[in-house]
mmCIF file of all heavy atoms, coordinates in Angstrom:
data_MODEL
# 
_entry.id   MODEL 
# 
loop_
_atom_site.group_PDB 
_atom_site.id 
_atom_site.type_symbol 
_atom_site.label_atom_id 
_atom_site.label_alt_id 
_atom_site.label_comp_id 
_atom_site.label_asym_id 
_atom_site.label_entity_id 
_atom_site.label_seq_id 
_atom_site.pdbx_PDB_ins_code 
_atom_site.Cartn_x 
_atom_site.Cartn_y 
_atom_site.Cartn_z 
_atom_site.occupancy 
_atom_site.B_iso_or_equiv 
_atom_site.pdbx_formal_charge 
_atom_site.auth_seq_id 
_atom_site.auth_comp_id 
_atom_site.auth_asym_id 
_atom_site.auth_atom_id 
_atom_site.pdbx_PDB_model_num 
ATOM 1   N N   . PRO A 1 1  ? -21.838 -3.929 -25.900 1.00 0.00 ? 1  PRO A N   1 
ATOM 2   C CA  . PRO A 1 1  ? -20.588 -3.174 -25.696 1.00 0.00 ? 1  PRO A CA  1 
ATOM 3   C C   . PRO A 1 1  ? -20.113 -3.360 -24.257 1.00 0.00 ? 1  PRO A C   1 
ATOM 4   O O   . PRO A 1 1  ? -20.908 -3.466 -23.338 1.00 0.00 ? 1  PRO A O   1 
ATOM 5   C CB  . PRO A 1 1  ? -20.996 -1.725 -25.962 1.00 0.00 ? 1  PRO A CB  1 
ATOM 6   C CG  . PRO A 1 1  ? -22.468 -1.687 -25.704 1.00 0.00 ? 1  PRO A CG  1 
ATOM 7   C CD  . PRO A 1 1  ? -22.992 -3.038 -26.120 1.00 0.00 ? 1  PRO A CD  1 
ATOM 8   N N   . SER A 1 2  ? -18.794 -3.457 -24.099 1.00 0.00 ? 2  SER A N   1 
ATOM 9   C CA  . SER A 1 2  ? -18.248 -3.631 -22.753 1.00 0.00 ? 2  SER A CA  1 
ATOM 10  C C   . SER A 1 2  ? -18.421 -2.349 -21.950 1.00 0.00 ? 2  SER A C   1 
ATOM 11  O O   . SER A 1 2  ? -18.294 -1.245 -22.495 1.00 0.00 ? 2  SER A O   1 
ATOM 12  C CB  . SER A 1 2  ? -16.764 -4.007 -22.831 1.00 0.00 ? 2  SER A CB  1 
ATOM 13  O OG  . SER A 1 2  ? -16.043 -2.974 -23.474 1.00 0.00 ? 2  SER A OG  1 
ATOM 14  N N   . ARG A 1 3  ? -18.745 -2.531 -20.686 1.00 0.00 ? 3  ARG A N   1 
ATOM 15  C CA  . ARG A 1 3  ? -18.937 -1.361 -19.819 1.00 0.00 ? 3  ARG A CA  1 
ATOM 16  C C   . ARG A 1 3  ? -17.631 -1.027 -19.127 1.00 0.00 ? 3  ARG A C   1 
ATOM 17  O O   . ARG A 1 3  ? -16.856 -1.922 -18.778 1.00 0.00 ? 3  ARG A O   1 
ATOM 18  C CB  . ARG A 1 3  ? -20.015 -1.658 -18.778 1.00 0.00 ? 3  ARG A CB  1 
ATOM 19  C CG  . ARG A 1 3  ? -21.396 -1.861 -19.382 1.00 0.00 ? 3  ARG A CG  1 
ATOM 20  C CD  . ARG A 1 3  ? -22.428 -1.966 -18.271 1.00 0.00 ? 3  ARG A CD  1 
ATOM 21  N NE  . ARG A 1 3  ? -22.182 -3.107 -17.410 1.00 0.00 ? 3  ARG A NE  1 
ATOM 22  C CZ  . ARG A 1 3  ? -22.639 -3.223 -16.169 1.00 0.00 ? 3  ARG A CZ  1 
ATOM 23  N NH1 . ARG A 1 3  ? -23.344 -2.232 -15.629 1.00 0.00 ? 3  ARG A NH1 1 
ATOM 24  N NH2 . ARG A 1 3  ? -22.391 -4.288 -15.454 1.00 0.00 ? 3  ARG A NH2 1 
ATOM 25  N N   . PRO A 1 4  ? -17.369 0.258  -18.922 1.00 0.00 ? 4  PRO A N   1 
ATOM 26  C CA  . PRO A 1 4  ? -16.146 0.632  -18.209 1.00 0.00 ? 4  PRO A CA  1 
ATOM 27  C C   . PRO A 1 4  ? -16.169 0.089  -16.784 1.00 0.00 ? 4  PRO A C   1 
ATOM 28  O O   . PRO A 1 4  ? -17.222 -0.023 -16.158 1.00 0.00 ? 4  PRO A O   1 
ATOM 29  C CB  . PRO A 1 4  ? -16.170 2.164  -18.226 1.00 0.00 ? 4  PRO A CB  1 
ATOM 30  C CG  . PRO A 1 4  ? -17.601 2.519  -18.439 1.00 0.00 ? 4  PRO A CG  1 
ATOM 31  C CD  . PRO A 1 4  ? -18.176 1.425  -19.295 1.00 0.00 ? 4  PRO A CD  1 
ATOM 32  N N   . SER A 1 5  ? -15.006 -0.274 -16.319 1.00 0.00 ? 5  SER A N   1 
ATOM 33  C CA  . SER A 1 5  ? -14.905 -0.793 -14.948 1.00 0.00 ? 5  SER A CA  1 
ATOM 34  C C   . SER A 1 5  ? -13.773 -0.080 -14.229 1.00 0.00 ? 5  SER A C   1 
ATOM 35  O O   . SER A 1 5  ? -12.896 0.534  -14.854 1.00 0.00 ? 5  SER A O   1 
ATOM 36  C CB  . SER A 1 5  ? -14.660 -2.298 -14.953 1.00 0.00 ? 5  SER A CB  1 
ATOM 37  O OG  . SER A 1 5  ? -13.414 -2.599 -15.539 1.00 0.00 ? 5  SER A OG  1 
ATOM 38  N N   . HIS A 1 6  ? -13.810 -0.177 -12.932 1.00 0.00 ? 6  HIS A N   1 
ATOM 39  C CA  . HIS A 1 6  ? -12.798 0.467  -12.083 1.00 0.00 ? 6  HIS A CA  1 
ATOM 40  C C   . HIS A 1 6  ? -12.400 -0.519 -10.990 1.00 0.00 ? 6  HIS A C   1 
ATOM 41  O O   . HIS A 1 6  ? -13.253 -1.159 -10.384 1.00 0.00 ? 6  HIS A O   1 
ATOM 42  C CB  . HIS A 1 6  ? -13.365 1.740  -11.450 1.00 0.00 ? 6  HIS A CB  1 
ATOM 43  C CG  . HIS A 1 6  ? -12.438 2.398  -10.470 1.00 0.00 ? 6  HIS A CG  1 
ATOM 44  N ND1 . HIS A 1 6  ? -11.408 3.219  -10.861 1.00 0.00 ? 6  HIS A ND1 1 
ATOM 45  C CD2 . HIS A 1 6  ? -12.390 2.345  -9.111  1.00 0.00 ? 6  HIS A CD2 1 
ATOM 46  C CE1 . HIS A 1 6  ? -10.768 3.653  -9.798  1.00 0.00 ? 6  HIS A CE1 1 
ATOM 47  N NE2 . HIS A 1 6  ? -11.344 3.132  -8.721  1.00 0.00 ? 6  HIS A NE2 1 
ATOM 48  N N   . HIS A 1 7  ? -11.097 -0.673 -10.802 1.00 0.00 ? 7  HIS A N   1 
ATOM 49  C CA  . HIS A 1 7  ? -10.605 -1.574 -9.754  1.00 0.00 ? 7  HIS A CA  1 
ATOM 50  C C   . HIS A 1 7  ? -10.158 -0.774 -8.541  1.00 0.00 ? 7  HIS A C   1 
ATOM 51  O O   . HIS A 1 7  ? -9.380  0.175  -8.657  1.00 0.00 ? 7  HIS A O   1 
ATOM 52  C CB  . HIS A 1 7  ? -9.452  -2.432 -10.279 1.00 0.00 ? 7  HIS A CB  1 
ATOM 53  C CG  . HIS A 1 7  ? -9.904  -3.488 -11.228 1.00 0.00 ? 7  HIS A CG  1 
ATOM 54  N ND1 . HIS A 1 7  ? -10.291 -4.736 -10.834 1.00 0.00 ? 7  HIS A ND1 1 
ATOM 55  C CD2 . HIS A 1 7  ? -10.056 -3.452 -12.580 1.00 0.00 ? 7  HIS A CD2 1 
ATOM 56  C CE1 . HIS A 1 7  ? -10.657 -5.450 -11.882 1.00 0.00 ? 7  HIS A CE1 1 
ATOM 57  N NE2 . HIS A 1 7  ? -10.527 -4.690 -12.965 1.00 0.00 ? 7  HIS A NE2 1 
ATOM 58  N N   . LYS A 1 8  ? -10.687 -1.166 -7.398  1.00 0.00 ? 8  LYS A N   1 
ATOM 59  C CA  . LYS A 1 8  ? -10.368 -0.506 -6.133  1.00 0.00 ? 8  LYS A CA  1 
ATOM 60  C C   . LYS A 1 8  ? -9.781  -1.580 -5.219  1.00 0.00 ? 8  LYS A C   1 
ATOM 61  O O   . LYS A 1 8  ? -10.491 -2.259 -4.481  1.00 0.00 ? 8  LYS A O   1 
ATOM 62  C CB  . LYS A 1 8  ? -11.649 0.084  -5.538  1.00 0.00 ? 8  LYS A CB  1 
ATOM 63  C CG  . LYS A 1 8  ? -11.475 0.929  -4.301  1.00 0.00 ? 8  LYS A CG  1 
ATOM 64  C CD  . LYS A 1 8  ? -12.833 1.475  -3.875  1.00 0.00 ? 8  LYS A CD  1 
ATOM 65  C CE  . LYS A 1 8  ? -12.739 2.312  -2.619  1.00 0.00 ? 8  LYS A CE  1 
ATOM 66  N NZ  . LYS A 1 8  ? -14.078 2.774  -2.183  1.00 0.00 ? 8  LYS A NZ  1 
ATOM 67  N N   . GLY A 1 9  ? -8.453  -1.788 -5.359  1.00 0.00 ? 9  GLY A N   1 
ATOM 68  C CA  . GLY A 1 9  ? -7.852  -2.924 -4.666  1.00 0.00 ? 9  GLY A CA  1 
ATOM 69  C C   . GLY A 1 9  ? -8.430  -4.211 -5.248  1.00 0.00 ? 9  GLY A C   1 
ATOM 70  O O   . GLY A 1 9  ? -8.496  -4.378 -6.472  1.00 0.00 ? 9  GLY A O   1 
ATOM 71  N N   . PRO A 1 10 ? -8.917  -5.133 -4.431  1.00 0.00 ? 10 PRO A N   1 
ATOM 72  C CA  . PRO A 1 10 ? -9.485  -6.378 -4.932  1.00 0.00 ? 10 PRO A CA  1 
ATOM 73  C C   . PRO A 1 10 ? -10.933 -6.238 -5.404  1.00 0.00 ? 10 PRO A C   1 
ATOM 74  O O   . PRO A 1 10 ? -11.527 -7.201 -5.891  1.00 0.00 ? 10 PRO A O   1 
ATOM 75  C CB  . PRO A 1 10 ? -9.414  -7.306 -3.712  1.00 0.00 ? 10 PRO A CB  1 
ATOM 76  C CG  . PRO A 1 10 ? -9.538  -6.388 -2.548  1.00 0.00 ? 10 PRO A CG  1 
ATOM 77  C CD  . PRO A 1 10 ? -8.840  -5.123 -2.956  1.00 0.00 ? 10 PRO A CD  1 
ATOM 78  N N   . VAL A 1 11 ? -11.518 -5.039 -5.274  1.00 0.00 ? 11 VAL A N   1 
ATOM 79  C CA  . VAL A 1 11 ? -12.921 -4.819 -5.605  1.00 0.00 ? 11 VAL A CA  1 
ATOM 80  C C   . VAL A 1 11 ? -13.042 -4.259 -7.020  1.00 0.00 ? 11 VAL A C   1 
ATOM 81  O O   . VAL A 1 11 ? -12.340 -3.314 -7.399  1.00 0.00 ? 11 VAL A O   1 
ATOM 82  C CB  . VAL A 1 11 ? -13.578 -3.835 -4.598  1.00 0.00 ? 11 VAL A CB  1 
ATOM 83  C CG1 . VAL A 1 11 ? -15.037 -3.599 -4.957  1.00 0.00 ? 11 VAL A CG1 1 
ATOM 84  C CG2 . VAL A 1 11 ? -13.451 -4.378 -3.181  1.00 0.00 ? 11 VAL A CG2 1 
ATOM 85  N N   . ARG A 1 12 ? -13.958 -4.845 -7.830  1.00 0.00 ? 12 ARG A N   1 
ATOM 86  C CA  . ARG A 1 12 ? -14.217 -4.334 -9.173  1.00 0.00 ? 12 ARG A CA  1 
ATOM 87  C C   . ARG A 1 12 ? -15.561 -3.621 -9.187  1.00 0.00 ? 12 ARG A C   1 
ATOM 88  O O   . ARG A 1 12 ? -16.568 -4.165 -8.710  1.00 0.00 ? 12 ARG A O   1 
ATOM 89  C CB  . ARG A 1 12 ? -14.233 -5.465 -10.194 1.00 0.00 ? 12 ARG A CB  1 
ATOM 90  C CG  . ARG A 1 12 ? -14.297 -4.961 -11.637 1.00 0.00 ? 12 ARG A CG  1 
ATOM 91  C CD  . ARG A 1 12 ? -14.401 -6.080 -12.634 1.00 0.00 ? 12 ARG A CD  1 
ATOM 92  N NE  . ARG A 1 12 ? -15.708 -6.753 -12.556 1.00 0.00 ? 12 ARG A NE  1 
ATOM 93  C CZ  . ARG A 1 12 ? -16.105 -7.699 -13.415 1.00 0.00 ? 12 ARG A CZ  1 
ATOM 94  N NH1 . ARG A 1 12 ? -15.290 -8.093 -14.373 1.00 0.00 ? 12 ARG A NH1 1 
ATOM 95  N NH2 . ARG A 1 12 ? -17.291 -8.266 -13.271 1.00 0.00 ? 12 ARG A NH2 1 
ATOM 96  N N   . LEU A 1 13 ? -15.594 -2.414 -9.738  1.00 0.00 ? 13 LEU A N   1 
ATOM 97  C CA  . LEU A 1 13 ? -16.803 -1.598 -9.773  1.00 0.00 ? 13 LEU A CA  1 
ATOM 98  C C   . LEU A 1 13 ? -17.206 -1.304 -11.208 1.00 0.00 ? 13 LEU A C   1 
ATOM 99  O O   . LEU A 1 13 ? -16.351 -1.029 -12.068 1.00 0.00 ? 13 LEU A O   1 
ATOM 100 C CB  . LEU A 1 13 ? -16.569 -0.274 -9.029  1.00 0.00 ? 13 LEU A CB  1 
ATOM 101 C CG  . LEU A 1 13 ? -16.086 -0.384 -7.577  1.00 0.00 ? 13 LEU A CG  1 
ATOM 102 C CD1 . LEU A 1 13 ? -15.698 0.991  -7.051  1.00 0.00 ? 13 LEU A CD1 1 
ATOM 103 C CD2 . LEU A 1 13 ? -17.154 -1.004 -6.697  1.00 0.00 ? 13 LEU A CD2 1 
ATOM 104 N N   . LYS A 1 14 ? -18.541 -1.356 -11.471 1.00 0.00 ? 14 LYS A N   1 
ATOM 105 C CA  . LYS A 1 14 ? -19.075 -1.020 -12.792 1.00 0.00 ? 14 LYS A CA  1 
ATOM 106 C C   . LYS A 1 14 ? -20.359 -0.217 -12.646 1.00 0.00 ? 14 LYS A C   1 
ATOM 107 O O   . LYS A 1 14 ? -20.966 -0.181 -11.565 1.00 0.00 ? 14 LYS A O   1 
ATOM 108 C CB  . LYS A 1 14 ? -19.364 -2.292 -13.592 1.00 0.00 ? 14 LYS A CB  1 
ATOM 109 C CG  . LYS A 1 14 ? -18.153 -2.954 -14.220 1.00 0.00 ? 14 LYS A CG  1 
ATOM 110 C CD  . LYS A 1 14 ? -18.583 -4.081 -15.150 1.00 0.00 ? 14 LYS A CD  1 
ATOM 111 C CE  . LYS A 1 14 ? -17.398 -4.650 -15.903 1.00 0.00 ? 14 LYS A CE  1 
ATOM 112 N NZ  . LYS A 1 14 ? -17.820 -5.691 -16.887 1.00 0.00 ? 14 LYS A NZ  1 
ATOM 113 N N   . GLY A 1 15 ? -20.783 0.379  -13.739 1.00 0.00 ? 15 GLY A N   1 
ATOM 114 C CA  . GLY A 1 15 ? -22.063 1.059  -13.768 1.00 0.00 ? 15 GLY A CA  1 
ATOM 115 C C   . GLY A 1 15 ? -22.149 2.174  -12.739 1.00 0.00 ? 15 GLY A C   1 
ATOM 116 O O   . GLY A 1 15 ? -21.266 3.021  -12.625 1.00 0.00 ? 15 GLY A O   1 
ATOM 117 N N   . ARG A 1 16 ? -23.235 2.152  -11.988 1.00 0.00 ? 16 ARG A N   1 
ATOM 118 C CA  . ARG A 1 16 ? -23.460 3.207  -11.000 1.00 0.00 ? 16 ARG A CA  1 
ATOM 119 C C   . ARG A 1 16 ? -22.489 3.146  -9.826  1.00 0.00 ? 16 ARG A C   1 
ATOM 120 O O   . ARG A 1 16 ? -22.441 4.072  -9.013  1.00 0.00 ? 16 ARG A O   1 
ATOM 121 C CB  . ARG A 1 16 ? -24.895 3.129  -10.484 1.00 0.00 ? 16 ARG A CB  1 
ATOM 122 C CG  . ARG A 1 16 ? -25.947 3.440  -11.543 1.00 0.00 ? 16 ARG A CG  1 
ATOM 123 C CD  . ARG A 1 16 ? -27.338 3.374  -10.966 1.00 0.00 ? 16 ARG A CD  1 
ATOM 124 N NE  . ARG A 1 16 ? -28.355 3.644  -11.981 1.00 0.00 ? 16 ARG A NE  1 
ATOM 125 C CZ  . ARG A 1 16 ? -29.666 3.616  -11.742 1.00 0.00 ? 16 ARG A CZ  1 
ATOM 126 N NH1 . ARG A 1 16 ? -30.103 3.310  -10.518 1.00 0.00 ? 16 ARG A NH1 1 
ATOM 127 N NH2 . ARG A 1 16 ? -30.523 3.880  -12.708 1.00 0.00 ? 16 ARG A NH2 1 
ATOM 128 N N   . GLN A 1 17 ? -21.752 2.051  -9.739  1.00 0.00 ? 17 GLN A N   1 
ATOM 129 C CA  . GLN A 1 17 ? -20.797 1.928  -8.645  1.00 0.00 ? 17 GLN A CA  1 
ATOM 130 C C   . GLN A 1 17 ? -19.464 2.614  -8.942  1.00 0.00 ? 17 GLN A C   1 
ATOM 131 O O   . GLN A 1 17 ? -18.607 2.714  -8.076  1.00 0.00 ? 17 GLN A O   1 
ATOM 132 C CB  . GLN A 1 17 ? -20.529 0.438  -8.350  1.00 0.00 ? 17 GLN A CB  1 
ATOM 133 C CG  . GLN A 1 17 ? -21.762 -0.336 -7.918  1.00 0.00 ? 17 GLN A CG  1 
ATOM 134 C CD  . GLN A 1 17 ? -22.372 0.206  -6.647  1.00 0.00 ? 17 GLN A CD  1 
ATOM 135 O OE1 . GLN A 1 17 ? -21.649 0.520  -5.697  1.00 0.00 ? 17 GLN A OE1 1 
ATOM 136 N NE2 . GLN A 1 17 ? -23.689 0.356  -6.619  1.00 0.00 ? 17 GLN A NE2 1 
ATOM 137 N N   . LEU A 1 18 ? -19.295 3.081  -10.178 1.00 0.00 ? 18 LEU A N   1 
ATOM 138 C CA  . LEU A 1 18 ? -18.040 3.753  -10.534 1.00 0.00 ? 18 LEU A CA  1 
ATOM 139 C C   . LEU A 1 18 ? -17.863 5.019  -9.698  1.00 0.00 ? 18 LEU A C   1 
ATOM 140 O O   . LEU A 1 18 ? -18.791 5.829  -9.576  1.00 0.00 ? 18 LEU A O   1 
ATOM 141 C CB  . LEU A 1 18 ? -18.028 4.122  -12.022 1.00 0.00 ? 18 LEU A CB  1 
ATOM 142 C CG  . LEU A 1 18 ? -17.861 2.960  -13.010 1.00 0.00 ? 18 LEU A CG  1 
ATOM 143 C CD1 . LEU A 1 18 ? -18.078 3.463  -14.436 1.00 0.00 ? 18 LEU A CD1 1 
ATOM 144 C CD2 . LEU A 1 18 ? -16.472 2.345  -12.861 1.00 0.00 ? 18 LEU A CD2 1 
ATOM 145 N N   . PRO A 1 19 ? -16.690 5.237  -9.111  1.00 0.00 ? 19 PRO A N   1 
ATOM 146 C CA  . PRO A 1 19 ? -16.467 6.441  -8.284  1.00 0.00 ? 19 PRO A CA  1 
ATOM 147 C C   . PRO A 1 19 ? -16.291 7.687  -9.137  1.00 0.00 ? 19 PRO A C   1 
ATOM 148 O O   . PRO A 1 19 ? -15.877 7.624  -10.300 1.00 0.00 ? 19 PRO A O   1 
ATOM 149 C CB  . PRO A 1 19 ? -15.179 6.102  -7.540  1.00 0.00 ? 19 PRO A CB  1 
ATOM 150 C CG  . PRO A 1 19 ? -14.451 5.182  -8.465  1.00 0.00 ? 19 PRO A CG  1 
ATOM 151 C CD  . PRO A 1 19 ? -15.502 4.363  -9.157  1.00 0.00 ? 19 PRO A CD  1 
ATOM 152 N N   . ASP A 1 20 ? -16.609 8.822  -8.535  1.00 0.00 ? 20 ASP A N   1 
ATOM 153 C CA  . ASP A 1 20 ? -16.442 10.101 -9.224  1.00 0.00 ? 20 ASP A CA  1 
ATOM 154 C C   . ASP A 1 20 ? -15.041 10.667 -9.046  1.00 0.00 ? 20 ASP A C   1 
ATOM 155 O O   . ASP A 1 20 ? -14.629 11.567 -9.781  1.00 0.00 ? 20 ASP A O   1 
ATOM 156 C CB  . ASP A 1 20 ? -17.456 11.126 -8.689  1.00 0.00 ? 20 ASP A CB  1 
ATOM 157 C CG  . ASP A 1 20 ? -18.896 10.701 -8.984  1.00 0.00 ? 20 ASP A CG  1 
ATOM 158 O OD1 . ASP A 1 20 ? -19.124 10.115 -10.053 1.00 0.00 ? 20 ASP A OD1 1 
ATOM 159 O OD2 . ASP A 1 20 ? -19.760 10.950 -8.128  1.00 0.00 ? 20 ASP A OD2 1 
ATOM 160 N N   . THR A 1 21 ? -14.334 10.181 -8.039  1.00 0.00 ? 21 THR A N   1 
ATOM 161 C CA  . THR A 1 21 ? -12.996 10.702 -7.741  1.00 0.00 ? 21 THR A CA  1 
ATOM 162 C C   . THR A 1 21 ? -12.043 9.533  -7.552  1.00 0.00 ? 21 THR A C   1 
ATOM 163 O O   . THR A 1 21 ? -12.456 8.380  -7.381  1.00 0.00 ? 21 THR A O   1 
ATOM 164 C CB  . THR A 1 21 ? -13.007 11.554 -6.460  1.00 0.00 ? 21 THR A CB  1 
ATOM 165 O OG1 . THR A 1 21 ? -13.444 10.734 -5.362  1.00 0.00 ? 21 THR A OG1 1 
ATOM 166 C CG2 . THR A 1 21 ? -13.933 12.752 -6.595  1.00 0.00 ? 21 THR A CG2 1 
ATOM 167 N N   . THR A 1 22 ? -10.760 9.836  -7.564  1.00 0.00 ? 22 THR A N   1 
ATOM 168 C CA  . THR A 1 22 ? -9.749  8.810  -7.326  1.00 0.00 ? 22 THR A CA  1 
ATOM 169 C C   . THR A 1 22 ? -9.337  8.805  -5.854  1.00 0.00 ? 22 THR A C   1 
ATOM 170 O O   . THR A 1 22 ? -9.607  9.759  -5.112  1.00 0.00 ? 22 THR A O   1 
ATOM 171 C CB  . THR A 1 22 ? -8.501  9.052  -8.187  1.00 0.00 ? 22 THR A CB  1 
ATOM 172 O OG1 . THR A 1 22 ? -7.867  10.257 -7.733  1.00 0.00 ? 22 THR A OG1 1 
ATOM 173 C CG2 . THR A 1 22 ? -8.870  9.184  -9.660  1.00 0.00 ? 22 THR A CG2 1 
ATOM 174 N N   . THR A 1 23 ? -8.655  7.731  -5.466  1.00 0.00 ? 23 THR A N   1 
ATOM 175 C CA  . THR A 1 23 ? -8.174  7.625  -4.089  1.00 0.00 ? 23 THR A CA  1 
ATOM 176 C C   . THR A 1 23 ? -7.228  8.771  -3.753  1.00 0.00 ? 23 THR A C   1 
ATOM 177 O O   . THR A 1 23 ? -7.283  9.360  -2.672  1.00 0.00 ? 23 THR A O   1 
ATOM 178 C CB  . THR A 1 23 ? -7.470  6.280  -3.873  1.00 0.00 ? 23 THR A CB  1 
ATOM 179 O OG1 . THR A 1 23 ? -8.385  5.227  -4.177  1.00 0.00 ? 23 THR A OG1 1 
ATOM 180 C CG2 . THR A 1 23 ? -7.004  6.129  -2.434  1.00 0.00 ? 23 THR A CG2 1 
ATOM 181 N N   . ASP A 1 24 ? -6.323  9.099  -4.690  1.00 0.00 ? 24 ASP A N   1 
ATOM 182 C CA  . ASP A 1 24 ? -5.389  10.196 -4.447  1.00 0.00 ? 24 ASP A CA  1 
ATOM 183 C C   . ASP A 1 24 ? -6.114  11.525 -4.265  1.00 0.00 ? 24 ASP A C   1 
ATOM 184 O O   . ASP A 1 24 ? -5.742  12.338 -3.417  1.00 0.00 ? 24 ASP A O   1 
ATOM 185 C CB  . ASP A 1 24 ? -4.388  10.316 -5.607  1.00 0.00 ? 24 ASP A CB  1 
ATOM 186 C CG  . ASP A 1 24 ? -3.300  9.266  -5.527  1.00 0.00 ? 24 ASP A CG  1 
ATOM 187 O OD1 . ASP A 1 24 ? -3.118  8.719  -4.430  1.00 0.00 ? 24 ASP A OD1 1 
ATOM 188 O OD2 . ASP A 1 24 ? -2.647  9.012  -6.549  1.00 0.00 ? 24 ASP A OD2 1 
ATOM 189 N N   . GLN A 1 25 ? -7.144  11.746 -5.073  1.00 0.00 ? 25 GLN A N   1 
ATOM 190 C CA  . GLN A 1 25 ? -7.909  12.983 -4.929  1.00 0.00 ? 25 GLN A CA  1 
ATOM 191 C C   . GLN A 1 25 ? -8.491  13.112 -3.529  1.00 0.00 ? 25 GLN A C   1 
ATOM 192 O O   . GLN A 1 25 ? -8.422  14.164 -2.897  1.00 0.00 ? 25 GLN A O   1 
ATOM 193 C CB  . GLN A 1 25 ? -9.052  13.010 -5.956  1.00 0.00 ? 25 GLN A CB  1 
ATOM 194 C CG  . GLN A 1 25 ? -8.683  13.572 -7.314  1.00 0.00 ? 25 GLN A CG  1 
ATOM 195 C CD  . GLN A 1 25 ? -9.899  13.594 -8.210  1.00 0.00 ? 25 GLN A CD  1 
ATOM 196 O OE1 . GLN A 1 25 ? -10.378 12.548 -8.632  1.00 0.00 ? 25 GLN A OE1 1 
ATOM 197 N NE2 . GLN A 1 25 ? -10.403 14.770 -8.501  1.00 0.00 ? 25 GLN A NE2 1 
ATOM 198 N N   . ARG A 1 26 ? -9.098  12.014 -3.072  1.00 0.00 ? 26 ARG A N   1 
ATOM 199 C CA  . ARG A 1 26 ? -9.725  12.063 -1.746  1.00 0.00 ? 26 ARG A CA  1 
ATOM 200 C C   . ARG A 1 26 ? -8.698  12.228 -0.644  1.00 0.00 ? 26 ARG A C   1 
ATOM 201 O O   . ARG A 1 26 ? -8.958  12.861 0.377   1.00 0.00 ? 26 ARG A O   1 
ATOM 202 C CB  . ARG A 1 26 ? -10.563 10.792 -1.524  1.00 0.00 ? 26 ARG A CB  1 
ATOM 203 C CG  . ARG A 1 26 ? -11.775 10.719 -2.444  1.00 0.00 ? 26 ARG A CG  1 
ATOM 204 C CD  . ARG A 1 26 ? -12.700 9.571  -2.056  1.00 0.00 ? 26 ARG A CD  1 
ATOM 205 N NE  . ARG A 1 26 ? -12.087 8.264  -2.262  1.00 0.00 ? 26 ARG A NE  1 
ATOM 206 C CZ  . ARG A 1 26 ? -12.110 7.599  -3.414  1.00 0.00 ? 26 ARG A CZ  1 
ATOM 207 N NH1 . ARG A 1 26 ? -12.688 8.144  -4.483  1.00 0.00 ? 26 ARG A NH1 1 
ATOM 208 N NH2 . ARG A 1 26 ? -11.553 6.414  -3.512  1.00 0.00 ? 26 ARG A NH2 1 
ATOM 209 N N   . LEU A 1 27 ? -7.507  11.664 -0.848  1.00 0.00 ? 27 LEU A N   1 
ATOM 210 C CA  . LEU A 1 27 ? -6.454  11.798 0.146   1.00 0.00 ? 27 LEU A CA  1 
ATOM 211 C C   . LEU A 1 27 ? -5.968  13.234 0.244   1.00 0.00 ? 27 LEU A C   1 
ATOM 212 O O   . LEU A 1 27 ? -5.766  13.764 1.345   1.00 0.00 ? 27 LEU A O   1 
ATOM 213 C CB  . LEU A 1 27 ? -5.279  10.875 -0.204  1.00 0.00 ? 27 LEU A CB  1 
ATOM 214 C CG  . LEU A 1 27 ? -4.015  11.036 0.647   1.00 0.00 ? 27 LEU A CG  1 
ATOM 215 C CD1 . LEU A 1 27 ? -4.293  10.652 2.102   1.00 0.00 ? 27 LEU A CD1 1 
ATOM 216 C CD2 . LEU A 1 27 ? -2.877  10.210 0.087   1.00 0.00 ? 27 LEU A CD2 1 
# 
């Protein structure tokens, strides 16, 4: 099964690297 991913600008994050919050939230 495909794992969820998150794009942070040019950086792609998966697995344990997925953030708990969004950029707007942190701002």
